[in-house]
Amino acid sequence: MALTITDECINCDVCEPECPNQAIFQGELIYEIDPDCCTECVGHFEQPQCQQVCPVDCIPLDPGHPETEAQLMEKYRGLIARG
């Protein structure tokens, strides 16, 4: 699954630079995650880095984008190939 950022986000700016896939961006009101780029850090780290640094715990799994670990790894490989 991709991750998502809830409206509890306080725009603290710590998650965006931690994302190895550059999936996190400043939205209209809060930070957002592009589900096409989010691999939950599969291929990079053991744990999603944005979740690790979020001070308000507002980055849960996105139930709208269910993916297996194998699918996340496939997405990671595609992102790496695009450069």
Protein backbone atom coordinates (compact mmCIF):
# COMPACT_ATOMS: atom_id res chain seq x y z
CA MET A 1 0.00 0.00 0.00
CA ALA A 2 1.06 3.52 -0.54
CA LEU A 3 1.00 5.80 2.47
CA THR A 4 -1.19 8.84 2.88
CA ILE A 5 -1.02 11.99 4.99
CA THR A 6 -4.10 12.85 7.04
CA ASP A 7 -5.47 16.29 7.83
CA GLU A 8 -3.73 16.07 11.21
CA CYS A 9 -0.55 17.14 9.37
CA ILE A 10 1.01 20.24 10.94
CA ASN A 11 3.22 21.08 7.91
CA CYS A 12 6.38 20.66 9.95
CA ASP A 13 8.44 19.93 6.81
CA VAL A 14 10.28 16.89 8.20
CA CYS A 15 8.74 14.17 6.01
CA GLU A 16 9.38 15.58 2.54
CA PRO A 17 13.20 15.43 2.57
CA GLU A 18 13.15 11.92 4.08
CA CYS A 19 11.30 10.36 1.12
CA PRO A 20 13.79 8.53 -1.12
CA ASN A 21 11.25 8.44 -3.98
CA GLN A 22 10.29 12.12 -3.82
CA ALA A 23 6.66 11.03 -3.40
CA ILE A 24 5.89 13.69 -0.77
CA PHE A 25 5.02 17.20 -1.85
CA GLN A 26 3.39 20.31 -0.42
CA GLY A 27 -0.29 20.22 -1.30
CA GLU A 28 -2.76 23.07 -1.12
CA LEU A 29 -3.21 22.78 2.66
CA ILE A 30 -0.96 19.97 3.89
CA TYR A 31 1.72 17.67 2.58
CA GLU A 32 0.52 14.93 0.26
CA ILE A 33 1.91 11.65 -1.04
CA ASP A 34 1.83 10.60 -4.70
CA PRO A 35 0.72 6.94 -4.52
CA ASP A 36 2.38 6.23 -7.87
CA CYS A 37 5.78 7.04 -6.32
CA CYS A 38 5.32 5.75 -2.76
CA THR A 39 6.85 2.33 -2.12
CA GLU A 40 6.66 2.55 1.69
CA CYS A 41 10.46 2.79 1.33
CA VAL A 42 10.61 -0.81 0.03
CA GLY A 43 13.90 -1.08 -1.83
CA HIS A 44 15.47 1.66 0.28
CA PHE A 45 14.79 1.09 3.99
CA GLU A 46 13.22 -1.41 6.39
CA GLN A 47 10.61 1.11 7.57
CA PRO A 48 8.87 4.06 5.90
CA GLN A 49 11.10 7.01 6.74
CA CYS A 50 8.31 9.59 6.74
CA GLN A 51 6.46 7.62 9.43
CA GLN A 52 9.64 7.45 11.49
CA VAL A 53 10.11 11.22 11.61
CA CYS A 54 6.47 12.41 11.75
CA PRO A 55 5.89 14.06 15.15
CA VAL A 56 2.09 13.74 15.00
CA ASP A 57 1.78 10.21 13.58
CA CYS A 58 -0.41 11.29 10.65
CA ILE A 59 0.97 9.01 7.90
CA PRO A 60 -1.01 5.75 7.82
CA LEU A 61 -1.35 3.17 5.06
CA ASP A 62 -3.66 4.33 2.28
CA PRO A 63 -6.50 1.79 2.04
CA GLY A 64 -7.31 3.19 -1.40
CA HIS A 65 -4.04 1.82 -2.78
CA PRO A 66 -3.56 -1.78 -1.60
CA GLU A 67 -0.25 -3.31 -2.74
CA THR A 68 1.76 -6.34 -1.72
CA GLU A 69 5.44 -6.09 -0.87
CA ALA A 70 6.19 -7.68 -4.27
CA GLN A 71 4.15 -4.97 -6.01
CA LEU A 72 5.94 -2.28 -4.01
CA MET A 73 9.30 -3.76 -5.05
CA GLU A 74 8.17 -3.78 -8.69
CA LYS A 75 7.17 -0.12 -8.38
CA TYR A 76 10.56 0.63 -6.78
CA ARG A 77 12.37 -1.02 -9.71
CA GLY A 78 10.29 1.01 -12.18
CA LEU A 79 11.11 4.25 -10.36
CA ILE A 80 14.82 3.43 -10.31
CA ALA A 81 14.77 2.62 -14.03
CA ARG A 82 13.18 6.01 -14.79
CA GLY A 83 16.00 7.65 -12.89
